[in-house]
Amino acid sequence: AVVLTQSTGGFLLIMQIRDVMKNQTSIESWIITKAEWRHKAIGTTFVYPYDLGSKWENLNSVLNMSNFARGDGYSWKVRDGCDQFTLTHEQILQKKLKRSRMVEHKIVRSYNSAWFSALTIANPLLFCVCNAIDDPYLTLEEGEQVFVSRYRKRWLYGSVARKSKNKKGETIDKEEGGWFPRICAVEVINNNNHKQQEQGEKTRERKKDI
């Protein structure tokens, strides 16, 4: 057990040092992967603003051996040509791209995610398999319209607009997203969906080339 603990701790330490030398978090690494793919598709190059050019510079910007705080806590040193909002702007563009490729589906069979959650908790094996998807599950009613952005063999990930009340008691539109069984929905066929499917096929071809 001691050897296993030490091995695990050593592996995590190596992973953390690697991220520090890149000056990025695990979440940022995923954003960078999508950014590089997006920029390659349009013939440009993405520059990560917090990579200062060398591993030593990146390491030095994170580690602080003095007793005094470095910086103001909300602005950070970035590469020339970038600013504090370069990564935020990239995320906004990624969200817009994702939304433009959503495909409309109509729910033909109601789905209660609470029953599924209870089933996975009761069955540890099913829990491990199904909760490998680190996202929420979406409860749906027959007739609802869902915009799907991700696909798996038997699951779809989509967003649905619903009415909700804020803390002031006002009725507002709230978007809820999550996974639901593929058999519960059918695609709404229209010209926009066909164009999105063609774009999706071109995108998959580009990914094969990457």
N, C-alpha and C. Protein backbone atom coordinates (compact mmCIF):
# COMPACT_ATOMS: atom_id res chain seq x y z
N ALA A 1 0.83 -1.21 0.00
CA ALA A 1 0.00 0.00 0.00
C ALA A 1 0.87 1.26 0.00
N VAL A 2 1.97 1.21 0.77
CA VAL A 2 2.87 2.36 0.85
C VAL A 2 3.51 2.63 -0.51
N VAL A 3 3.93 1.53 -1.18
CA VAL A 3 4.55 1.66 -2.50
C VAL A 3 3.56 2.25 -3.50
N LEU A 4 2.32 1.77 -3.44
CA LEU A 4 1.29 2.26 -4.34
C LEU A 4 1.02 3.75 -4.11
N THR A 5 0.95 4.15 -2.84
CA THR A 5 0.71 5.55 -2.50
C THR A 5 1.85 6.44 -2.99
N GLN A 6 3.09 5.97 -2.77
CA GLN A 6 4.25 6.74 -3.20
C GLN A 6 4.30 6.85 -4.73
N SER A 7 3.96 5.76 -5.42
CA SER A 7 3.96 5.77 -6.88
C SER A 7 2.92 6.74 -7.42
N THR A 8 1.73 6.70 -6.81
CA THR A 8 0.66 7.60 -7.24
C THR A 8 1.03 9.06 -6.98
N GLY A 9 1.60 9.30 -5.78
CA GLY A 9 2.01 10.66 -5.44
C GLY A 9 3.11 11.17 -6.37
N GLY A 10 4.04 10.27 -6.71
CA GLY A 10 5.12 10.65 -7.62
C GLY A 10 4.60 10.98 -9.00
N PHE A 11 3.63 10.19 -9.46
CA PHE A 11 3.04 10.43 -10.78
C PHE A 11 2.32 11.77 -10.81
N LEU A 12 1.55 12.07 -9.75
CA LEU A 12 0.83 13.34 -9.68
C LEU A 12 1.80 14.51 -9.61
N LEU A 13 2.91 14.33 -8.89
CA LEU A 13 3.92 15.38 -8.79
C LEU A 13 4.52 15.69 -10.17
N ILE A 14 4.82 14.63 -10.91
CA ILE A 14 5.38 14.82 -12.25
C ILE A 14 4.39 15.56 -13.15
N MET A 15 3.11 15.18 -13.06
CA MET A 15 2.08 15.84 -13.87
C MET A 15 1.96 17.32 -13.52
N GLN A 16 2.04 17.62 -12.21
CA GLN A 16 1.92 19.01 -11.77
C GLN A 16 3.11 19.84 -12.23
N ILE A 17 4.31 19.27 -12.11
CA ILE A 17 5.51 19.98 -12.56
C ILE A 17 5.45 20.24 -14.06
N ARG A 18 4.97 19.25 -14.81
CA ARG A 18 4.83 19.42 -16.26
C ARG A 18 3.90 20.58 -16.58
N ASP A 19 2.77 20.67 -15.87
CA ASP A 19 1.81 21.74 -16.12
C ASP A 19 2.38 23.11 -15.73
N VAL A 20 3.13 23.13 -14.62
CA VAL A 20 3.73 24.39 -14.17
C VAL A 20 4.75 24.89 -15.20
N MET A 21 5.54 23.97 -15.77
CA MET A 21 6.55 24.37 -16.74
C MET A 21 5.92 24.84 -18.05
N LYS A 22 4.66 24.44 -18.27
CA LYS A 22 3.91 24.96 -19.42
C LYS A 22 3.10 26.19 -19.04
N ASN A 23 3.02 26.46 -17.72
CA ASN A 23 2.25 27.57 -17.18
C ASN A 23 0.77 27.46 -17.57
N GLN A 24 0.22 26.26 -17.42
CA GLN A 24 -1.18 26.05 -17.77
C GLN A 24 -1.81 25.01 -16.85
N THR A 25 -3.11 25.11 -16.68
CA THR A 25 -3.86 24.15 -15.89
C THR A 25 -4.38 23.04 -16.80
N SER A 26 -4.94 22.00 -16.19
CA SER A 26 -5.50 20.90 -17.00
C SER A 26 -6.66 21.39 -17.86
N ILE A 27 -7.48 22.28 -17.31
CA ILE A 27 -8.61 22.83 -18.07
C ILE A 27 -8.10 23.67 -19.23
N GLU A 28 -7.07 24.47 -18.97
CA GLU A 28 -6.51 25.31 -20.03
C GLU A 28 -5.91 24.46 -21.15
N SER A 29 -5.33 23.30 -20.80
CA SER A 29 -4.76 22.43 -21.83
C SER A 29 -5.83 21.94 -22.79
N TRP A 30 -7.05 21.69 -22.27
CA TRP A 30 -8.16 21.28 -23.13
C TRP A 30 -8.62 22.43 -24.01
N ILE A 31 -8.64 23.65 -23.46
CA ILE A 31 -8.99 24.82 -24.25
C ILE A 31 -7.97 25.03 -25.37
N ILE A 32 -6.70 24.83 -25.05
CA ILE A 32 -5.63 25.00 -26.04
C ILE A 32 -5.76 23.98 -27.17
N THR A 33 -6.10 22.73 -26.81
CA THR A 33 -6.28 21.69 -27.84
C THR A 33 -7.36 22.10 -28.82
N LYS A 34 -8.49 22.58 -28.32
CA LYS A 34 -9.58 23.02 -29.19
C LYS A 34 -9.20 24.27 -29.97
N ALA A 35 -8.43 25.15 -29.33
CA ALA A 35 -8.01 26.38 -30.01
C ALA A 35 -7.08 26.07 -31.18
N GLU A 36 -6.14 25.14 -30.98
CA GLU A 36 -5.21 24.77 -32.05
C GLU A 36 -5.96 24.15 -33.22
N TRP A 37 -6.95 23.31 -32.91
CA TRP A 37 -7.76 22.71 -33.98
C TRP A 37 -8.55 23.79 -34.72
N ARG A 38 -9.15 24.72 -33.98
CA ARG A 38 -9.97 25.77 -34.60
C ARG A 38 -9.11 26.67 -35.49
N HIS A 39 -7.96 27.06 -35.00
CA HIS A 39 -7.09 27.95 -35.77
C HIS A 39 -6.50 27.25 -37.00
N LYS A 40 -6.20 25.95 -36.86
CA LYS A 40 -5.68 25.23 -38.02
C LYS A 40 -6.72 25.16 -39.12
N ALA A 41 -8.00 25.03 -38.74
CA ALA A 41 -9.08 24.95 -39.72
C ALA A 41 -9.23 26.25 -40.52
N ILE A 42 -8.85 27.38 -39.91
CA ILE A 42 -9.00 28.67 -40.60
C ILE A 42 -7.66 29.22 -41.07
N GLY A 43 -6.59 28.42 -40.91
CA GLY A 43 -5.28 28.80 -41.44
C GLY A 43 -4.50 29.79 -40.60
N THR A 44 -4.77 29.83 -39.28
CA THR A 44 -4.02 30.73 -38.39
C THR A 44 -3.36 29.91 -37.28
N THR A 45 -2.61 30.57 -36.44
CA THR A 45 -1.91 29.90 -35.35
C THR A 45 -2.34 30.49 -34.01
N PHE A 46 -2.66 29.64 -33.06
CA PHE A 46 -3.06 30.11 -31.73
C PHE A 46 -1.83 30.27 -30.85
N VAL A 47 -1.76 31.39 -30.16
CA VAL A 47 -0.66 31.66 -29.23
C VAL A 47 -1.22 31.67 -27.82
N TYR A 48 -0.75 30.74 -27.00
CA TYR A 48 -1.20 30.67 -25.60
C TYR A 48 -0.56 31.84 -24.84
N PRO A 49 -1.37 32.73 -24.28
CA PRO A 49 -0.84 33.98 -23.72
C PRO A 49 0.07 33.82 -22.50
N TYR A 50 -0.09 32.72 -21.74
CA TYR A 50 0.68 32.58 -20.51
C TYR A 50 1.95 31.75 -20.66
N ASP A 51 2.22 31.26 -21.87
CA ASP A 51 3.50 30.59 -22.14
C ASP A 51 4.51 31.69 -22.43
N LEU A 52 5.41 31.93 -21.50
CA LEU A 52 6.31 33.07 -21.58
C LEU A 52 7.54 32.82 -22.45
N GLY A 53 7.61 31.64 -23.08
CA GLY A 53 8.69 31.39 -24.03
C GLY A 53 9.71 30.38 -23.61
N SER A 54 9.85 30.15 -22.30
CA SER A 54 10.79 29.15 -21.82
C SER A 54 10.23 28.49 -20.56
N LYS A 55 10.64 27.25 -20.31
CA LYS A 55 10.17 26.53 -19.14
C LYS A 55 10.59 27.22 -17.85
N TRP A 56 11.81 27.81 -17.85
CA TRP A 56 12.28 28.50 -16.65
C TRP A 56 11.42 29.72 -16.35
N GLU A 57 11.09 30.51 -17.38
CA GLU A 57 10.24 31.68 -17.19
C GLU A 57 8.87 31.27 -16.66
N ASN A 58 8.33 30.20 -17.22
CA ASN A 58 7.02 29.71 -16.77
C ASN A 58 7.09 29.26 -15.32
N LEU A 59 8.13 28.52 -14.98
CA LEU A 59 8.31 28.03 -13.62
C LEU A 59 8.48 29.18 -12.64
N ASN A 60 9.26 30.17 -13.03
CA ASN A 60 9.53 31.32 -12.17
C ASN A 60 8.29 32.17 -11.95
N SER A 61 7.38 32.18 -12.94
CA SER A 61 6.17 32.98 -12.81
C SER A 61 5.16 32.36 -11.84
N VAL A 62 5.30 31.06 -11.60
CA VAL A 62 4.38 30.35 -10.70
C VAL A 62 4.94 30.24 -9.29
N LEU A 63 6.21 29.84 -9.19
CA LEU A 63 6.82 29.65 -7.87
C LEU A 63 7.29 30.99 -7.31
N ASN A 64 7.05 31.18 -6.03
CA ASN A 64 7.45 32.41 -5.35
C ASN A 64 8.12 32.04 -4.03
N MET A 65 9.44 32.22 -3.97
CA MET A 65 10.20 31.82 -2.80
C MET A 65 10.29 32.93 -1.75
N SER A 66 9.74 34.10 -2.03
CA SER A 66 9.79 35.20 -1.06
C SER A 66 8.57 35.17 -0.16
N ASN A 67 8.58 36.02 0.84
CA ASN A 67 7.45 36.11 1.77
C ASN A 67 6.42 37.15 1.33
N PHE A 68 6.62 37.72 0.15
CA PHE A 68 5.73 38.77 -0.33
C PHE A 68 4.97 38.29 -1.56
N ALA A 69 3.70 38.65 -1.63
CA ALA A 69 2.88 38.26 -2.77
C ALA A 69 3.38 38.93 -4.04
N ARG A 70 3.31 38.20 -5.13
CA ARG A 70 3.74 38.73 -6.42
C ARG A 70 2.51 39.09 -7.25
N GLY A 71 2.44 40.33 -7.68
CA GLY A 71 1.30 40.74 -8.50
C GLY A 71 0.10 41.12 -7.66
N ASP A 72 -1.01 41.40 -8.36
CA ASP A 72 -2.23 41.84 -7.67
C ASP A 72 -3.26 40.73 -7.55
N GLY A 73 -2.98 39.54 -8.09
CA GLY A 73 -3.89 38.40 -7.93
C GLY A 73 -4.91 38.25 -9.04
N TYR A 74 -5.01 39.23 -9.94
CA TYR A 74 -5.99 39.09 -11.03
C TYR A 74 -5.42 39.45 -12.40
N SER A 75 -4.23 39.97 -12.45
CA SER A 75 -3.58 40.21 -13.74
C SER A 75 -2.23 39.51 -13.73
N TRP A 76 -1.86 38.93 -14.88
CA TRP A 76 -0.68 38.09 -14.95
C TRP A 76 0.18 38.47 -16.14
N LYS A 77 1.43 38.13 -16.05
CA LYS A 77 2.36 38.40 -17.14
C LYS A 77 1.99 37.54 -18.34
N VAL A 78 1.92 38.14 -19.52
CA VAL A 78 1.55 37.42 -20.73
C VAL A 78 2.58 37.69 -21.83
N ARG A 79 2.50 36.91 -22.89
CA ARG A 79 3.42 37.06 -24.02
C ARG A 79 3.12 38.35 -24.78
N ASP A 80 4.12 38.83 -25.50
CA ASP A 80 3.92 40.02 -26.34
C ASP A 80 2.84 39.75 -27.38
N GLY A 81 1.98 40.71 -27.57
CA GLY A 81 0.90 40.57 -28.54
C GLY A 81 -0.38 39.99 -27.94
N CYS A 82 -0.32 39.62 -26.65
CA CYS A 82 -1.50 39.07 -25.96
C CYS A 82 -1.89 40.00 -24.82
N ASP A 83 -3.07 39.78 -24.27
CA ASP A 83 -3.49 40.53 -23.10
C ASP A 83 -4.20 39.61 -22.12
N GLN A 84 -4.75 40.18 -21.05
CA GLN A 84 -5.38 39.38 -20.01
C GLN A 84 -6.64 38.67 -20.48
N PHE A 85 -7.18 39.07 -21.63
CA PHE A 85 -8.45 38.50 -22.10
C PHE A 85 -8.29 37.66 -23.37
N THR A 86 -7.05 37.38 -23.76
CA THR A 86 -6.83 36.60 -24.98
C THR A 86 -7.48 35.22 -24.88
N LEU A 87 -7.28 34.54 -23.76
CA LEU A 87 -7.84 33.20 -23.59
C LEU A 87 -9.36 33.26 -23.45
N THR A 88 -9.87 34.27 -22.76
CA THR A 88 -11.31 34.45 -22.62
C THR A 88 -11.97 34.66 -23.99
N HIS A 89 -11.34 35.47 -24.81
CA HIS A 89 -11.87 35.73 -26.16
C HIS A 89 -11.89 34.43 -26.97
N GLU A 90 -10.86 33.62 -26.83
CA GLU A 90 -10.81 32.34 -27.54
C GLU A 90 -11.93 31.42 -27.08
N GLN A 91 -12.20 31.39 -25.78
CA GLN A 91 -13.29 30.56 -25.26
C GLN A 91 -14.64 31.01 -25.80
N ILE A 92 -14.85 32.30 -25.91
CA ILE A 92 -16.11 32.83 -26.45
C ILE A 92 -16.30 32.39 -27.89
N LEU A 93 -15.23 32.45 -28.68
CA LEU A 93 -15.30 32.02 -30.08
C LEU A 93 -15.58 30.52 -30.18
N GLN A 94 -14.99 29.74 -29.27
CA GLN A 94 -15.24 28.29 -29.26
C GLN A 94 -16.70 28.00 -28.93
N LYS A 95 -17.27 28.76 -27.98
CA LYS A 95 -18.68 28.58 -27.62
C LYS A 95 -19.59 28.93 -28.79
N LYS A 96 -19.26 30.00 -29.50
CA LYS A 96 -20.07 30.39 -30.66
C LYS A 96 -20.01 29.32 -31.74
N LEU A 97 -18.82 28.77 -31.97
CA LEU A 97 -18.66 27.72 -32.97
C LEU A 97 -19.47 26.48 -32.59
N LYS A 98 -19.41 26.12 -31.31
CA LYS A 98 -20.16 24.96 -30.82
C LYS A 98 -21.66 25.16 -31.00
N ARG A 99 -22.13 26.37 -30.66
CA ARG A 99 -23.57 26.65 -30.78
C ARG A 99 -24.03 26.63 -32.23
N SER A 100 -23.18 27.11 -33.14
CA SER A 100 -23.56 27.14 -34.55
C SER A 100 -23.69 25.74 -35.14
N ARG A 101 -23.06 24.75 -34.50
CA ARG A 101 -23.10 23.39 -35.03
C ARG A 101 -24.09 22.49 -34.30
N MET A 102 -24.85 23.06 -33.36
CA MET A 102 -25.86 22.26 -32.67
C MET A 102 -26.96 21.85 -33.64
N VAL A 103 -27.46 20.63 -33.47
CA VAL A 103 -28.50 20.09 -34.35
C VAL A 103 -29.79 19.91 -33.54
N GLU A 104 -30.88 20.42 -34.07
CA GLU A 104 -32.16 20.37 -33.36
C GLU A 104 -32.73 18.95 -33.36
N HIS A 105 -33.21 18.51 -32.20
CA HIS A 105 -33.86 17.22 -32.03
C HIS A 105 -35.19 17.42 -31.30
N LYS A 106 -36.12 16.54 -31.58
CA LYS A 106 -37.40 16.55 -30.88
C LYS A 106 -37.49 15.31 -29.99
N ILE A 107 -37.93 15.51 -28.75
CA ILE A 107 -38.04 14.40 -27.81
C ILE A 107 -39.33 13.63 -28.09
N VAL A 108 -39.19 12.33 -28.36
CA VAL A 108 -40.34 11.49 -28.67
C VAL A 108 -40.63 10.51 -27.54
N ARG A 109 -39.76 10.48 -26.55
CA ARG A 109 -39.96 9.60 -25.40
C ARG A 109 -39.41 10.29 -24.16
N SER A 110 -40.26 10.45 -23.13
CA SER A 110 -39.82 11.14 -21.92
C SER A 110 -38.70 10.37 -21.23
N TYR A 111 -37.83 11.11 -20.55
CA TYR A 111 -36.71 10.49 -19.85
C TYR A 111 -36.50 11.18 -18.51
N ASN A 112 -36.49 10.40 -17.44
CA ASN A 112 -36.28 10.93 -16.09
C ASN A 112 -34.88 10.53 -15.63
N SER A 113 -33.99 11.48 -15.56
CA SER A 113 -32.61 11.18 -15.19
C SER A 113 -32.48 10.72 -13.75
N ALA A 114 -33.47 11.04 -12.90
CA ALA A 114 -33.42 10.62 -11.49
C ALA A 114 -33.46 9.10 -11.37
N TRP A 115 -34.28 8.44 -12.20
CA TRP A 115 -34.35 6.99 -12.17
C TRP A 115 -33.01 6.39 -12.58
N PHE A 116 -32.38 6.97 -13.59
CA PHE A 116 -31.11 6.46 -14.05
C PHE A 116 -30.03 6.64 -12.99
N SER A 117 -30.04 7.79 -12.32
CA SER A 117 -29.06 8.04 -11.27
C SER A 117 -29.22 7.05 -10.13
N ALA A 118 -30.47 6.75 -9.76
CA ALA A 118 -30.72 5.78 -8.69
C ALA A 118 -30.24 4.39 -9.10
N LEU A 119 -30.44 4.05 -10.37
CA LEU A 119 -30.03 2.74 -10.87
C LEU A 119 -28.51 2.58 -10.83
N THR A 120 -27.79 3.65 -11.22
CA THR A 120 -26.32 3.57 -11.22
C THR A 120 -25.76 3.51 -9.81
N ILE A 121 -26.41 4.18 -8.87
CA ILE A 121 -25.96 4.13 -7.48
C ILE A 121 -26.16 2.73 -6.91
N ALA A 122 -27.27 2.07 -7.31
CA ALA A 122 -27.57 0.73 -6.82
C ALA A 122 -26.64 -0.31 -7.43
N ASN A 123 -26.13 -0.03 -8.61
CA ASN A 123 -25.24 -0.98 -9.30
C ASN A 123 -23.86 -0.33 -9.49
N PRO A 124 -22.88 -0.68 -8.65
CA PRO A 124 -21.56 -0.04 -8.71
C PRO A 124 -20.90 -0.15 -10.08
N LEU A 125 -21.04 -1.31 -10.76
CA LEU A 125 -20.42 -1.48 -12.07
C LEU A 125 -21.04 -0.53 -13.07
N LEU A 126 -22.37 -0.44 -13.07
CA LEU A 126 -23.07 0.47 -13.97
C LEU A 126 -22.70 1.91 -13.66
N PHE A 127 -22.51 2.21 -12.37
CA PHE A 127 -22.12 3.56 -11.95
C PHE A 127 -20.77 3.94 -12.55
N CYS A 128 -19.80 3.01 -12.48
CA CYS A 128 -18.46 3.29 -13.00
C CYS A 128 -18.48 3.49 -14.50
N VAL A 129 -19.27 2.66 -15.22
CA VAL A 129 -19.31 2.74 -16.67
C VAL A 129 -20.01 4.01 -17.13
N CYS A 130 -21.19 4.27 -16.59
CA CYS A 130 -22.01 5.38 -17.07
C CYS A 130 -21.51 6.74 -16.59
N ASN A 131 -20.94 6.79 -15.39
CA ASN A 131 -20.48 8.07 -14.88
C ASN A 131 -19.06 8.39 -15.30
N ALA A 132 -18.54 7.60 -16.27
CA ALA A 132 -17.29 8.00 -16.92
C ALA A 132 -17.53 9.30 -17.68
N ILE A 133 -18.79 9.54 -18.02
CA ILE A 133 -19.18 10.82 -18.61
C ILE A 133 -19.32 11.82 -17.46
N ASP A 134 -18.35 12.72 -17.36
CA ASP A 134 -18.33 13.64 -16.22
C ASP A 134 -19.20 14.86 -16.51
N ASP A 135 -20.47 14.61 -16.79
CA ASP A 135 -21.43 15.66 -17.09
C ASP A 135 -22.78 15.26 -16.50
N PRO A 136 -23.70 16.19 -16.34
CA PRO A 136 -25.02 15.86 -15.80
C PRO A 136 -25.88 15.13 -16.83
N TYR A 137 -26.93 14.50 -16.34
CA TYR A 137 -27.93 13.88 -17.20
C TYR A 137 -29.16 14.77 -17.22
N LEU A 138 -29.86 14.77 -18.34
CA LEU A 138 -30.94 15.73 -18.57
C LEU A 138 -32.30 15.04 -18.56
N THR A 139 -33.19 15.51 -17.70
CA THR A 139 -34.56 15.03 -17.66
C THR A 139 -35.37 15.74 -18.75
N LEU A 140 -36.11 14.96 -19.55
CA LEU A 140 -36.81 15.53 -20.69
C LEU A 140 -38.25 15.03 -20.76
N GLU A 141 -39.10 15.86 -21.32
CA GLU A 141 -40.51 15.51 -21.52
C GLU A 141 -40.78 15.38 -23.02
N GLU A 142 -41.67 14.46 -23.36
CA GLU A 142 -42.03 14.26 -24.76
C GLU A 142 -42.52 15.58 -25.38
N GLY A 143 -42.01 15.89 -26.56
CA GLY A 143 -42.40 17.10 -27.26
C GLY A 143 -41.42 18.25 -27.12
N GLU A 144 -40.50 18.16 -26.18
CA GLU A 144 -39.53 19.24 -26.00
C GLU A 144 -38.53 19.29 -27.16
N GLN A 145 -37.99 20.47 -27.41
CA GLN A 145 -36.99 20.66 -28.44
C GLN A 145 -35.61 20.77 -27.78
N VAL A 146 -34.68 19.97 -28.25
CA VAL A 146 -33.33 19.95 -27.69
C VAL A 146 -32.32 20.21 -28.80
N PHE A 147 -31.30 20.99 -28.48
CA PHE A 147 -30.23 21.24 -29.44
C PHE A 147 -29.00 20.43 -29.02
N VAL A 148 -28.65 19.48 -29.86
CA VAL A 148 -27.60 18.50 -29.55
C VAL A 148 -26.25 18.97 -30.07
N SER A 149 -25.24 18.84 -29.20
CA SER A 149 -23.88 19.26 -29.58
C SER A 149 -22.86 18.12 -29.52
N ARG A 150 -23.19 17.05 -28.79
CA ARG A 150 -22.24 15.93 -28.69
C ARG A 150 -22.97 14.61 -28.87
N TYR A 151 -22.25 13.64 -29.43
CA TYR A 151 -22.86 12.36 -29.76
C TYR A 151 -22.02 11.21 -29.22
N ARG A 152 -22.70 10.19 -28.73
CA ARG A 152 -22.08 8.91 -28.43
C ARG A 152 -22.98 7.82 -29.01
N LYS A 153 -22.52 6.62 -28.91
CA LYS A 153 -23.24 5.53 -29.57
C LYS A 153 -24.70 5.46 -29.12
N ARG A 154 -24.93 5.54 -27.82
CA ARG A 154 -26.31 5.43 -27.31
C ARG A 154 -26.75 6.67 -26.52
N TRP A 155 -25.92 7.72 -26.55
CA TRP A 155 -26.24 8.91 -25.77
C TRP A 155 -26.06 10.17 -26.62
N LEU A 156 -26.83 11.20 -26.27
CA LEU A 156 -26.71 12.51 -26.88
C LEU A 156 -26.54 13.54 -25.77
N TYR A 157 -25.78 14.58 -26.06
CA TYR A 157 -25.67 15.69 -25.11
C TYR A 157 -26.33 16.91 -25.74
N GLY A 158 -27.31 17.46 -25.04
CA GLY A 158 -28.03 18.58 -25.60
C GLY A 158 -28.42 19.62 -24.57
N SER A 159 -28.95 20.72 -25.07
CA SER A 159 -29.39 21.83 -24.22
C SER A 159 -30.84 22.15 -24.53
N VAL A 160 -31.58 22.47 -23.49
CA VAL A 160 -32.99 22.81 -23.65
C VAL A 160 -33.28 24.09 -22.87
N ALA A 161 -34.11 24.97 -23.45
CA ALA A 161 -34.46 26.23 -22.79
C ALA A 161 -35.73 26.02 -21.96
N ARG A 162 -35.66 26.43 -20.70
CA ARG A 162 -36.80 26.28 -19.81
C ARG A 162 -37.03 27.55 -19.00
N LYS A 163 -38.26 27.69 -18.52
CA LYS A 163 -38.61 28.82 -17.69
C LYS A 163 -38.20 28.52 -16.25
N SER A 164 -37.64 29.52 -15.60
CA SER A 164 -37.22 29.35 -14.21
C SER A 164 -37.41 30.67 -13.48
N LYS A 165 -37.38 30.62 -12.17
CA LYS A 165 -37.53 31.84 -11.37
C LYS A 165 -36.22 32.15 -10.66
N ASN A 166 -35.83 33.43 -10.73
CA ASN A 166 -34.62 33.84 -10.04
C ASN A 166 -34.91 34.14 -8.57
N LYS A 167 -33.92 34.66 -7.85
CA LYS A 167 -34.08 34.92 -6.42
C LYS A 167 -35.13 35.99 -6.14
N LYS A 168 -35.37 36.84 -7.14
CA LYS A 168 -36.38 37.89 -6.97
C LYS A 168 -37.78 37.41 -7.30
N GLY A 169 -37.90 36.14 -7.74
CA GLY A 169 -39.20 35.62 -8.11
C GLY A 169 -39.60 35.91 -9.52
N GLU A 170 -38.68 36.47 -10.32
CA GLU A 170 -38.97 36.81 -11.72
C GLU A 170 -38.77 35.59 -12.61
N THR A 171 -39.63 35.46 -13.60
CA THR A 171 -39.52 34.34 -14.55
C THR A 171 -38.48 34.67 -15.61
N ILE A 172 -37.51 33.78 -15.75
CA ILE A 172 -36.43 33.99 -16.72
C ILE A 172 -36.23 32.72 -17.55
N ASP A 173 -35.58 32.88 -18.69
CA ASP A 173 -35.22 31.73 -19.51
C ASP A 173 -33.90 31.17 -19.01
N LYS A 174 -33.87 29.86 -18.78
CA LYS A 174 -32.68 29.20 -18.28
C LYS A 174 -32.35 28.01 -19.17
N GLU A 175 -31.10 27.90 -19.56
CA GLU A 175 -30.67 26.79 -20.41
C GLU A 175 -30.11 25.66 -19.55
N GLU A 176 -30.63 24.46 -19.75
CA GLU A 176 -30.14 23.29 -19.03
C GLU A 176 -29.53 22.32 -20.03
N GLY A 177 -28.41 21.73 -19.66
CA GLY A 177 -27.73 20.80 -20.55
C GLY A 177 -27.39 19.49 -19.86
N GLY A 178 -27.27 18.43 -20.64
CA GLY A 178 -26.91 17.14 -20.08
C GLY A 178 -27.07 16.02 -21.09
N TRP A 179 -26.69 14.81 -20.66
CA TRP A 179 -26.79 13.62 -21.50
C TRP A 179 -28.16 12.97 -21.35
N PHE A 180 -28.64 12.36 -22.43
CA PHE A 180 -29.90 11.62 -22.39
C PHE A 180 -29.82 10.51 -23.44
N PRO A 181 -30.63 9.44 -23.29
CA PRO A 181 -30.57 8.32 -24.23
C PRO A 181 -30.92 8.73 -25.66
N ARG A 182 -30.20 8.19 -26.60
CA ARG A 182 -30.39 8.53 -28.00
C ARG A 182 -31.77 8.12 -28.51
N ILE A 183 -32.32 7.05 -27.97
CA ILE A 183 -33.62 6.55 -28.45
C ILE A 183 -34.77 7.49 -28.07
N CYS A 184 -34.50 8.47 -27.21
CA CYS A 184 -35.56 9.37 -26.78
C CYS A 184 -35.79 10.52 -27.75
N ALA A 185 -34.92 10.66 -28.75
CA ALA A 185 -35.02 11.84 -29.63
C ALA A 185 -34.88 11.47 -31.09
N VAL A 186 -35.47 12.30 -31.94
CA VAL A 186 -35.29 12.18 -33.39
C VAL A 186 -34.83 13.54 -33.90
N GLU A 187 -33.98 13.50 -34.92
CA GLU A 187 -33.45 14.74 -35.48
C GLU A 187 -34.52 15.46 -36.29
N VAL A 188 -34.58 16.77 -36.13
CA VAL A 188 -35.49 17.60 -36.92
C VAL A 188 -34.76 17.96 -38.21
N ILE A 189 -35.27 17.47 -39.32
CA ILE A 189 -34.60 17.67 -40.61
C ILE A 189 -34.97 19.02 -41.20
N ASN A 190 -33.95 19.82 -41.47
CA ASN A 190 -34.14 21.07 -42.20
C ASN A 190 -32.84 21.41 -42.92
N ASN A 191 -32.85 22.46 -43.71
CA ASN A 191 -31.68 22.82 -44.52
C ASN A 191 -30.48 23.16 -43.66
N ASN A 192 -30.73 23.83 -42.52
CA ASN A 192 -29.61 24.21 -41.65
C ASN A 192 -28.91 22.99 -41.10
N ASN A 193 -29.71 21.95 -40.75
CA ASN A 193 -29.11 20.73 -40.21
C ASN A 193 -28.26 20.04 -41.26
N HIS A 194 -28.74 20.04 -42.52
CA HIS A 194 -27.97 19.42 -43.59
C HIS A 194 -26.63 20.14 -43.77
N LYS A 195 -26.66 21.48 -43.69
CA LYS A 195 -25.42 22.25 -43.82
C LYS A 195 -24.48 21.94 -42.66
N GLN A 196 -25.04 21.80 -41.46
CA GLN A 196 -24.23 21.48 -40.29
C GLN A 196 -23.62 20.09 -40.41
N GLN A 197 -24.40 19.14 -40.97
CA GLN A 197 -23.88 17.79 -41.16
C GLN A 197 -22.72 17.80 -42.15
N GLU A 198 -22.86 18.61 -43.22
CA GLU A 198 -21.77 18.70 -44.19
C GLU A 198 -20.52 19.31 -43.55
N GLN A 199 -20.72 20.34 -42.70
CA GLN A 199 -19.60 20.94 -42.00
C GLN A 199 -18.96 19.93 -41.05
N GLY A 200 -19.82 19.12 -40.40
CA GLY A 200 -19.31 18.10 -39.48
C GLY A 200 -18.47 17.07 -40.19
N GLU A 201 -18.91 16.67 -41.41
CA GLU A 201 -18.14 15.70 -42.18
C GLU A 201 -16.79 16.29 -42.59
N LYS A 202 -16.79 17.57 -43.00
CA LYS A 202 -15.53 18.23 -43.37
C LYS A 202 -14.62 18.33 -42.16
N THR A 203 -15.22 18.62 -40.99
CA THR A 203 -14.43 18.72 -39.76
C THR A 203 -13.78 17.40 -39.41
N ARG A 204 -14.54 16.30 -39.55
CA ARG A 204 -13.98 14.97 -39.25
C ARG A 204 -12.85 14.64 -40.20
N GLU A 205 -12.98 15.07 -41.46
CA GLU A 205 -11.91 14.83 -42.43
C GLU A 205 -10.65 15.62 -42.03
N ARG A 206 -10.86 16.86 -41.55
CA ARG A 206 -9.72 17.66 -41.12
C ARG A 206 -9.03 17.01 -39.92
N LYS A 207 -9.83 16.47 -38.98
CA LYS A 207 -9.26 15.83 -37.81
C LYS A 207 -8.42 14.62 -38.19
N LYS A 208 -8.85 13.91 -39.24
CA LYS A 208 -8.08 12.75 -39.69
C LYS A 208 -6.71 13.18 -40.21
N ASP A 209 -6.69 14.41 -40.81
CA ASP A 209 -5.45 14.91 -41.38
C ASP A 209 -4.50 15.43 -40.32
N ILE A 210 -5.08 15.81 -39.14
CA ILE A 210 -4.25 16.38 -38.07
C ILE A 210 -3.34 15.31 -37.46
